Amino acid sequence: MFLPNREGTDRIMDKIRRGVPCYFENPTAGIAIKYVPPDDLEFYAKPKVGKEYRINRRNKAVIAAYLEGHEITAEEYDNYNQSRPGI
């Protein structure tokens, strides 16, 4: 059963509202999400396998990551798909 991380969700939303860059992940979907203002209509996603791409903020994976509230650092985002064994 999925339980939202209220504290993490609130922290992420606060950063987005204030226009502060933030990074968070959806481990279930295997993607990290990046929000870097002023582009507040779309975020960026980086899968464990593949290249970074733009993703709409209303995408189910973004919403799930936001609700999970698992914030990561910019460095973790940058290295997200390099953490696989054999790379």
PDB file of N, CA and C in Angstrom:
ATOM      1  N   MET A   1       0.832  -1.178   0.000  1.00  0.00           N
ATOM      2  CA  MET A   1       0.000   0.000   0.000  1.00  0.00           C
ATOM      3  C   MET A   1       0.879   1.245   0.000  1.00  0.00           C
ATOM      4  N   PHE A   2       0.561   2.207  -0.870  1.00  0.00           N
ATOM      5  CA  PHE A   2       1.331   3.430  -0.998  1.00  0.00           C
ATOM      6  C   PHE A   2       0.848   4.483  -0.007  1.00  0.00           C
ATOM      7  N   LEU A   3       1.773   5.031   0.773  1.00  0.00           N
ATOM      8  CA  LEU A   3       1.448   6.116   1.691  1.00  0.00           C
ATOM      9  C   LEU A   3       2.290   7.325   1.320  1.00  0.00           C
ATOM     10  N   PRO A   4       1.661   8.469   1.052  1.00  0.00           N
ATOM     11  CA  PRO A   4       2.427   9.665   0.712  1.00  0.00           C
ATOM     12  C   PRO A   4       3.333  10.105   1.847  1.00  0.00           C
ATOM     13  N   ASN A   5       4.458  10.670   1.487  1.00  0.00           N
ATOM     14  CA  ASN A   5       5.403  11.247   2.440  1.00  0.00           C
ATOM     15  C   ASN A   5       5.033  12.723   2.562  1.00  0.00           C
ATOM     16  N   ARG A   6       4.162  13.034   3.481  1.00  0.00           N
ATOM     17  CA  ARG A   6       3.602  14.394   3.590  1.00  0.00           C
ATOM     18  C   ARG A   6       4.688  15.458   3.766  1.00  0.00           C
ATOM     19  N   GLU A   7       5.661  15.184   4.607  1.00  0.00           N
ATOM     20  CA  GLU A   7       6.730  16.159   4.846  1.00  0.00           C
ATOM     21  C   GLU A   7       7.540  16.418   3.569  1.00  0.00           C
ATOM     22  N   GLY A   8       7.910  15.350   2.878  1.00  0.00           N
ATOM     23  CA  GLY A   8       8.668  15.492   1.636  1.00  0.00           C
ATOM     24  C   GLY A   8       7.846  16.169   0.551  1.00  0.00           C
ATOM     25  N   THR A   9       6.577  15.807   0.449  1.00  0.00           N
ATOM     26  CA  THR A   9       5.680  16.417  -0.529  1.00  0.00           C
ATOM     27  C   THR A   9       5.552  17.915  -0.267  1.00  0.00           C
ATOM     28  N   ASP A  10       5.361  18.293   0.984  1.00  0.00           N
ATOM     29  CA  ASP A  10       5.241  19.708   1.339  1.00  0.00           C
ATOM     30  C   ASP A  10       6.520  20.475   1.018  1.00  0.00           C
ATOM     31  N   ARG A  11       7.665  19.866   1.279  1.00  0.00           N
ATOM     32  CA  ARG A  11       8.955  20.516   1.007  1.00  0.00           C
ATOM     33  C   ARG A  11       9.139  20.742  -0.497  1.00  0.00           C
ATOM     34  N   ILE A  12       8.799  19.737  -1.296  1.00  0.00           N
ATOM     35  CA  ILE A  12       8.912  19.856  -2.759  1.00  0.00           C
ATOM     36  C   ILE A  12       7.959  20.933  -3.275  1.00  0.00           C
ATOM     37  N   MET A  13       6.721  20.918  -2.827  1.00  0.00           N
ATOM     38  CA  MET A  13       5.744  21.908  -3.277  1.00  0.00           C
ATOM     39  C   MET A  13       6.159  23.311  -2.880  1.00  0.00           C
ATOM     40  N   ASP A  14       6.707  23.468  -1.699  1.00  0.00           N
ATOM     41  CA  ASP A  14       7.165  24.786  -1.255  1.00  0.00           C
ATOM     42  C   ASP A  14       8.251  25.316  -2.185  1.00  0.00           C
ATOM     43  N   LYS A  15       9.178  24.465  -2.568  1.00  0.00           N
ATOM     44  CA  LYS A  15      10.248  24.885  -3.482  1.00  0.00           C
ATOM     45  C   LYS A  15       9.681  25.279  -4.842  1.00  0.00           C
ATOM     46  N   ILE A  16       8.746  24.502  -5.343  1.00  0.00           N
ATOM     47  CA  ILE A  16       8.143  24.802  -6.646  1.00  0.00           C
ATOM     48  C   ILE A  16       7.399  26.139  -6.576  1.00  0.00           C
ATOM     49  N   ARG A  17       6.636  26.342  -5.527  1.00  0.00           N
ATOM     50  CA  ARG A  17       5.892  27.598  -5.365  1.00  0.00           C
ATOM     51  C   ARG A  17       6.814  28.811  -5.286  1.00  0.00           C
ATOM     52  N   ARG A  18       7.964  28.645  -4.625  1.00  0.00           N
ATOM     53  CA  ARG A  18       8.909  29.750  -4.477  1.00  0.00           C
ATOM     54  C   ARG A  18       9.828  29.903  -5.684  1.00  0.00           C
ATOM     55  N   GLY A  19       9.725  28.979  -6.653  1.00  0.00           N
ATOM     56  CA  GLY A  19      10.574  29.057  -7.835  1.00  0.00           C
ATOM     57  C   GLY A  19      12.003  28.620  -7.580  1.00  0.00           C
ATOM     58  N   VAL A  20      12.166  27.704  -6.642  1.00  0.00           N
ATOM     59  CA  VAL A  20      13.488  27.179  -6.286  1.00  0.00           C
ATOM     60  C   VAL A  20      13.682  25.839  -6.991  1.00  0.00           C
ATOM     61  N   PRO A  21      14.823  25.636  -7.643  1.00  0.00           N
ATOM     62  CA  PRO A  21      15.060  24.342  -8.291  1.00  0.00           C
ATOM     63  C   PRO A  21      14.898  23.193  -7.294  1.00  0.00           C
ATOM     64  N   CYS A  22      14.311  22.101  -7.739  1.00  0.00           N
ATOM     65  CA  CYS A  22      14.203  20.930  -6.878  1.00  0.00           C
ATOM     66  C   CYS A  22      14.271  19.659  -7.716  1.00  0.00           C
ATOM     67  N   TYR A  23      14.679  18.612  -7.067  1.00  0.00           N
ATOM     68  CA  TYR A  23      14.892  17.312  -7.687  1.00  0.00           C
ATOM     69  C   TYR A  23      14.249  16.268  -6.791  1.00  0.00           C
ATOM     70  N   PHE A  24      13.516  15.356  -7.394  1.00  0.00           N
ATOM     71  CA  PHE A  24      12.874  14.303  -6.627  1.00  0.00           C
ATOM     72  C   PHE A  24      12.727  13.085  -7.516  1.00  0.00           C
ATOM     73  N   GLU A  25      12.418  11.947  -6.921  1.00  0.00           N
ATOM     74  CA  GLU A  25      12.369  10.729  -7.728  1.00  0.00           C
ATOM     75  C   GLU A  25      11.131   9.900  -7.479  1.00  0.00           C
ATOM     76  N   ASN A  26      10.851   9.080  -8.480  1.00  0.00           N
ATOM     77  CA  ASN A  26       9.804   8.077  -8.412  1.00  0.00           C
ATOM     78  C   ASN A  26      10.522   6.733  -8.570  1.00  0.00           C
ATOM     79  N   PRO A  27      10.967   6.140  -7.460  1.00  0.00           N
ATOM     80  CA  PRO A  27      11.728   4.887  -7.554  1.00  0.00           C
ATOM     81  C   PRO A  27      10.940   3.756  -8.192  1.00  0.00           C
ATOM     82  N   THR A  28       9.619   3.753  -8.005  1.00  0.00           N
ATOM     83  CA  THR A  28       8.778   2.705  -8.587  1.00  0.00           C
ATOM     84  C   THR A  28       8.842   2.736 -10.107  1.00  0.00           C
ATOM     85  N   ALA A  29       8.786   3.941 -10.675  1.00  0.00           N
ATOM     86  CA  ALA A  29       8.854   4.097 -12.133  1.00  0.00           C
ATOM     87  C   ALA A  29      10.294   4.143 -12.636  1.00  0.00           C
ATOM     88  N   GLY A  30      11.248   4.291 -11.717  1.00  0.00           N
ATOM     89  CA  GLY A  30      12.653   4.337 -12.106  1.00  0.00           C
ATOM     90  C   GLY A  30      13.032   5.627 -12.815  1.00  0.00           C
ATOM     91  N   ILE A  31      12.454   6.759 -12.361  1.00  0.00           N
ATOM     92  CA  ILE A  31      12.821   8.043 -12.949  1.00  0.00           C
ATOM     93  C   ILE A  31      13.057   9.092 -11.869  1.00  0.00           C
ATOM     94  N   ALA A  32      13.932  10.021 -12.199  1.00  0.00           N
ATOM     95  CA  ALA A  32      14.158  11.197 -11.364  1.00  0.00           C
ATOM     96  C   ALA A  32      13.543  12.386 -12.089  1.00  0.00           C
ATOM     97  N   ILE A  33      13.038  13.335 -11.327  1.00  0.00           N
ATOM     98  CA  ILE A  33      12.363  14.507 -11.877  1.00  0.00           C
ATOM     99  C   ILE A  33      13.141  15.756 -11.475  1.00  0.00           C
ATOM    100  N   LYS A  34      13.236  16.704 -12.410  1.00  0.00           N
ATOM    101  CA  LYS A  34      13.930  17.963 -12.150  1.00  0.00           C
ATOM    102  C   LYS A  34      13.004  19.123 -12.482  1.00  0.00           C
ATOM    103  N   TYR A  35      12.926  20.084 -11.570  1.00  0.00           N
ATOM    104  CA  TYR A  35      12.225  21.341 -11.833  1.00  0.00           C
ATOM    105  C   TYR A  35      13.244  22.458 -11.679  1.00  0.00           C
ATOM    106  N   VAL A  36      13.474  23.186 -12.764  1.00  0.00           N
ATOM    107  CA  VAL A  36      14.379  24.321 -12.721  1.00  0.00           C
ATOM    108  C   VAL A  36      13.642  25.517 -13.311  1.00  0.00           C
ATOM    109  N   PRO A  37      13.299  26.492 -12.473  1.00  0.00           N
ATOM    110  CA  PRO A  37      12.556  27.643 -12.964  1.00  0.00           C
ATOM    111  C   PRO A  37      13.361  28.409 -14.021  1.00  0.00           C
ATOM    112  N   PRO A  38      12.725  29.144 -14.889  1.00  0.00           N
ATOM    113  CA  PRO A  38      11.330  29.546 -14.837  1.00  0.00           C
ATOM    114  C   PRO A  38      10.408  28.624 -15.616  1.00  0.00           C
ATOM    115  N   ASP A  39      10.886  27.490 -16.083  1.00  0.00           N
ATOM    116  CA  ASP A  39      10.069  26.589 -16.896  1.00  0.00           C
ATOM    117  C   ASP A  39       9.111  25.805 -16.003  1.00  0.00           C
ATOM    118  N   ASP A  40       8.030  26.458 -15.566  1.00  0.00           N
ATOM    119  CA  ASP A  40       7.141  25.816 -14.602  1.00  0.00           C
ATOM    120  C   ASP A  40       6.023  25.007 -15.245  1.00  0.00           C
ATOM    121  N   LEU A  41       5.969  24.971 -16.556  1.00  0.00           N
ATOM    122  CA  LEU A  41       4.928  24.184 -17.200  1.00  0.00           C
ATOM    123  C   LEU A  41       5.372  22.753 -17.459  1.00  0.00           C
ATOM    124  N   GLU A  42       6.647  22.560 -17.632  1.00  0.00           N
ATOM    125  CA  GLU A  42       7.164  21.212 -17.852  1.00  0.00           C
ATOM    126  C   GLU A  42       8.390  20.989 -16.982  1.00  0.00           C
ATOM    127  N   PHE A  43       8.520  19.774 -16.585  1.00  0.00           N
ATOM    128  CA  PHE A  43       9.675  19.372 -15.802  1.00  0.00           C
ATOM    129  C   PHE A  43      10.549  18.513 -16.716  1.00  0.00           C
ATOM    130  N   TYR A  44      11.640  18.016 -16.174  1.00  0.00           N
ATOM    131  CA  TYR A  44      12.507  17.105 -16.913  1.00  0.00           C
ATOM    132  C   TYR A  44      12.567  15.792 -16.149  1.00  0.00           C
ATOM    133  N   ALA A  45      12.676  14.714 -16.887  1.00  0.00           N
ATOM    134  CA  ALA A  45      12.754  13.389 -16.279  1.00  0.00           C
ATOM    135  C   ALA A  45      13.997  12.686 -16.793  1.00  0.00           C
ATOM    136  N   LYS A  46      14.604  11.930 -15.906  1.00  0.00           N
ATOM    137  CA  LYS A  46      15.770  11.134 -16.285  1.00  0.00           C
ATOM    138  C   LYS A  46      15.504   9.705 -15.819  1.00  0.00           C
ATOM    139  N   PRO A  47      15.352   8.782 -16.772  1.00  0.00           N
ATOM    140  CA  PRO A  47      15.125   7.385 -16.387  1.00  0.00           C
ATOM    141  C   PRO A  47      16.428   6.705 -15.987  1.00  0.00           C
ATOM    142  N   LYS A  48      16.304   5.582 -15.306  1.00  0.00           N
ATOM    143  CA  LYS A  48      17.493   4.794 -14.953  1.00  0.00           C
ATOM    144  C   LYS A  48      18.230   4.362 -16.212  1.00  0.00           C
ATOM    145  N   VAL A  49      17.480   4.137 -17.286  1.00  0.00           N
ATOM    146  CA  VAL A  49      18.063   3.746 -18.566  1.00  0.00           C
ATOM    147  C   VAL A  49      17.527   4.705 -19.619  1.00  0.00           C
ATOM    148  N   GLY A  50      18.407   5.435 -20.263  1.00  0.00           N
ATOM    149  CA  GLY A  50      17.977   6.353 -21.314  1.00  0.00           C
ATOM    150  C   GLY A  50      18.383   7.787 -21.039  1.00  0.00           C
ATOM    151  N   LYS A  51      17.911   8.675 -21.908  1.00  0.00           N
ATOM    152  CA  LYS A  51      18.295  10.076 -21.831  1.00  0.00           C
ATOM    153  C   LYS A  51      17.216  10.922 -21.168  1.00  0.00           C
ATOM    154  N   GLU A  52      17.647  12.068 -20.670  1.00  0.00           N
ATOM    155  CA  GLU A  52      16.734  13.028 -20.069  1.00  0.00           C
ATOM    156  C   GLU A  52      15.744  13.536 -21.124  1.00  0.00           C
ATOM    157  N   TYR A  53      14.515  13.789 -20.692  1.00  0.00           N
ATOM    158  CA  TYR A  53      13.493  14.311 -21.593  1.00  0.00           C
ATOM    159  C   TYR A  53      12.560  15.241 -20.825  1.00  0.00           C
ATOM    160  N   ARG A  54      11.878  16.115 -21.561  1.00  0.00           N
ATOM    161  CA  ARG A  54      10.874  16.993 -20.948  1.00  0.00           C
ATOM    162  C   ARG A  54       9.637  16.165 -20.637  1.00  0.00           C
ATOM    163  N   ILE A  55       9.007  16.508 -19.517  1.00  0.00           N
ATOM    164  CA  ILE A  55       7.813  15.786 -19.111  1.00  0.00           C
ATOM    165  C   ILE A  55       6.815  16.791 -18.529  1.00  0.00           C
ATOM    166  N   ASN A  56       5.562  16.631 -18.867  1.00  0.00           N
ATOM    167  CA  ASN A  56       4.541  17.538 -18.370  1.00  0.00           C
ATOM    168  C   ASN A  56       4.364  17.352 -16.873  1.00  0.00           C
ATOM    169  N   ARG A  57       4.180  18.443 -16.187  1.00  0.00           N
ATOM    170  CA  ARG A  57       4.041  18.381 -14.722  1.00  0.00           C
ATOM    171  C   ARG A  57       2.817  17.600 -14.270  1.00  0.00           C
ATOM    172  N   ARG A  58       1.880  17.354 -15.169  1.00  0.00           N
ATOM    173  CA  ARG A  58       0.668  16.598 -14.824  1.00  0.00           C
ATOM    174  C   ARG A  58       0.775  15.114 -15.200  1.00  0.00           C
ATOM    175  N   ASN A  59       1.926  14.705 -15.656  1.00  0.00           N
ATOM    176  CA  ASN A  59       2.167  13.307 -15.993  1.00  0.00           C
ATOM    177  C   ASN A  59       2.031  12.459 -14.721  1.00  0.00           C
ATOM    178  N   LYS A  60       1.466  11.271 -14.859  1.00  0.00           N
ATOM    179  CA  LYS A  60       1.255  10.395 -13.696  1.00  0.00           C
ATOM    180  C   LYS A  60       2.544  10.099 -12.936  1.00  0.00           C
ATOM    181  N   ALA A  61       3.655   9.922 -13.656  1.00  0.00           N
ATOM    182  CA  ALA A  61       4.939   9.624 -12.995  1.00  0.00           C
ATOM    183  C   ALA A  61       5.413  10.818 -12.170  1.00  0.00           C
ATOM    184  N   VAL A  62       5.185  12.030 -12.654  1.00  0.00           N
ATOM    185  CA  VAL A  62       5.573  13.237 -11.914  1.00  0.00           C
ATOM    186  C   VAL A  62       4.713  13.360 -10.659  1.00  0.00           C
ATOM    187  N   ILE A  63       3.422  13.167 -10.804  1.00  0.00           N
ATOM    188  CA  ILE A  63       2.515  13.269  -9.656  1.00  0.00           C
ATOM    189  C   ILE A  63       2.856  12.208  -8.611  1.00  0.00           C
ATOM    190  N   ALA A  64       3.131  10.988  -9.056  1.00  0.00           N
ATOM    191  CA  ALA A  64       3.494   9.915  -8.113  1.00  0.00           C
ATOM    192  C   ALA A  64       4.793  10.259  -7.391  1.00  0.00           C
ATOM    193  N   ALA A  65       5.773  10.791  -8.123  1.00  0.00           N
ATOM    194  CA  ALA A  65       7.055  11.168  -7.506  1.00  0.00           C
ATOM    195  C   ALA A  65       6.838  12.278  -6.484  1.00  0.00           C
ATOM    196  N   TYR A  66       6.016  13.233  -6.843  1.00  0.00           N
ATOM    197  CA  TYR A  66       5.705  14.336  -5.937  1.00  0.00           C
ATOM    198  C   TYR A  66       5.048  13.806  -4.655  1.00  0.00           C
ATOM    199  N   LEU A  67       4.082  12.909  -4.802  1.00  0.00           N
ATOM    200  CA  LEU A  67       3.392  12.354  -3.636  1.00  0.00           C
ATOM    201  C   LEU A  67       4.310  11.487  -2.782  1.00  0.00           C
ATOM    202  N   GLU A  68       5.243  10.783  -3.435  1.00  0.00           N
ATOM    203  CA  GLU A  68       6.197   9.974  -2.667  1.00  0.00           C
ATOM    204  C   GLU A  68       7.099  10.867  -1.835  1.00  0.00           C
ATOM    205  N   GLY A  69       7.345  12.090  -2.321  1.00  0.00           N
ATOM    206  CA  GLY A  69       8.105  13.062  -1.544  1.00  0.00           C
ATOM    207  C   GLY A  69       9.545  12.690  -1.299  1.00  0.00           C
ATOM    208  N   HIS A  70      10.141  11.952  -2.228  1.00  0.00           N
ATOM    209  CA  HIS A  70      11.532  11.533  -2.054  1.00  0.00           C
ATOM    210  C   HIS A  70      12.449  12.509  -2.793  1.00  0.00           C
ATOM    211  N   GLU A  71      12.884  13.532  -2.076  1.00  0.00           N
ATOM    212  CA  GLU A  71      13.743  14.555  -2.664  1.00  0.00           C
ATOM    213  C   GLU A  71      15.168  14.016  -2.812  1.00  0.00           C
ATOM    214  N   ILE A  72      15.828  14.403  -3.897  1.00  0.00           N
ATOM    215  CA  ILE A  72      17.213  14.024  -4.133  1.00  0.00           C
ATOM    216  C   ILE A  72      18.011  15.297  -4.432  1.00  0.00           C
ATOM    217  N   THR A  73      19.321  15.198  -4.457  1.00  0.00           N
ATOM    218  CA  THR A  73      20.166  16.346  -4.748  1.00  0.00           C
ATOM    219  C   THR A  73      20.352  16.498  -6.256  1.00  0.00           C
ATOM    220  N   ALA A  74      20.851  17.661  -6.663  1.00  0.00           N
ATOM    221  CA  ALA A  74      21.158  17.899  -8.072  1.00  0.00           C
ATOM    222  C   ALA A  74      22.209  16.898  -8.555  1.00  0.00           C
ATOM    223  N   GLU A  75      23.171  16.601  -7.718  1.00  0.00           N
ATOM    224  CA  GLU A  75      24.207  15.632  -8.083  1.00  0.00           C
ATOM    225  C   GLU A  75      23.610  14.233  -8.268  1.00  0.00           C
ATOM    226  N   GLU A  76      22.700  13.840  -7.397  1.00  0.00           N
ATOM    227  CA  GLU A  76      22.043  12.537  -7.549  1.00  0.00           C
ATOM    228  C   GLU A  76      21.244  12.493  -8.854  1.00  0.00           C
ATOM    229  N   TYR A  77      20.587  13.606  -9.182  1.00  0.00           N
ATOM    230  CA  TYR A  77      19.844  13.660 -10.449  1.00  0.00           C
ATOM    231  C   TYR A  77      20.803  13.514 -11.625  1.00  0.00           C
ATOM    232  N   ASP A  78      21.891  14.287 -11.611  1.00  0.00           N
ATOM    233  CA  ASP A  78      22.857  14.248 -12.705  1.00  0.00           C
ATOM    234  C   ASP A  78      23.432  12.852 -12.917  1.00  0.00           C
ATOM    235  N   ASN A  79      23.599  12.118 -11.832  1.00  0.00           N
ATOM    236  CA  ASN A  79      24.186  10.779 -11.901  1.00  0.00           C
ATOM    237  C   ASN A  79      23.141   9.661 -11.864  1.00  0.00           C
ATOM    238  N   TYR A  80      21.887  10.007 -11.991  1.00  0.00           N
ATOM    239  CA  TYR A  80      20.804   9.034 -11.790  1.00  0.00           C
ATOM    240  C   TYR A  80      20.925   7.799 -12.674  1.00  0.00           C
ATOM    241  N   ASN A  81      21.140   7.970 -13.951  1.00  0.00           N
ATOM    242  CA  ASN A  81      21.204   6.783 -14.798  1.00  0.00           C
ATOM    243  C   ASN A  81      22.618   6.252 -14.953  1.00  0.00           C
ATOM    244  N   GLN A  82      23.532   6.766 -14.156  1.00  0.00           N
ATOM    245  CA  GLN A  82      24.894   6.232 -14.152  1.00  0.00           C
ATOM    246  C   GLN A  82      25.113   5.300 -12.964  1.00  0.00           C
ATOM    247  N   SER A  83      24.063   5.117 -12.153  1.00  0.00           N
ATOM    248  CA  SER A  83      24.206   4.308 -10.942  1.00  0.00           C
ATOM    249  C   SER A  83      23.948   2.824 -11.201  1.00  0.00           C
ATOM    250  N   ARG A  84      23.706   2.474 -12.469  1.00  0.00           N
ATOM    251  CA  ARG A  84      23.474   1.078 -12.787  1.00  0.00           C
ATOM    252  C   ARG A  84      24.789   0.294 -12.772  1.00  0.00           C
ATOM    253  N   PRO A  85      24.773  -0.943 -12.368  1.00  0.00           N
ATOM    254  CA  PRO A  85      25.980  -1.765 -12.402  1.00  0.00           C
ATOM    255  C   PRO A  85      26.502  -1.867 -13.835  1.00  0.00           C
ATOM    256  N   GLY A  86      27.801  -1.827 -13.964  1.00  0.00           N
ATOM    257  CA  GLY A  86      28.416  -1.991 -15.281  1.00  0.00           C
ATOM    258  C   GLY A  86      28.656  -0.690 -16.013  1.00  0.00           C
ATOM    259  N   ILE A  87      28.315   0.422 -15.401  1.00  0.00           N
ATOM    260  CA  ILE A  87      28.557   1.716 -16.071  1.00  0.00           C
ATOM    261  C   ILE A  87      29.813   2.340 -15.517  1.00  0.00           C
TER     262      ILE A  87
END
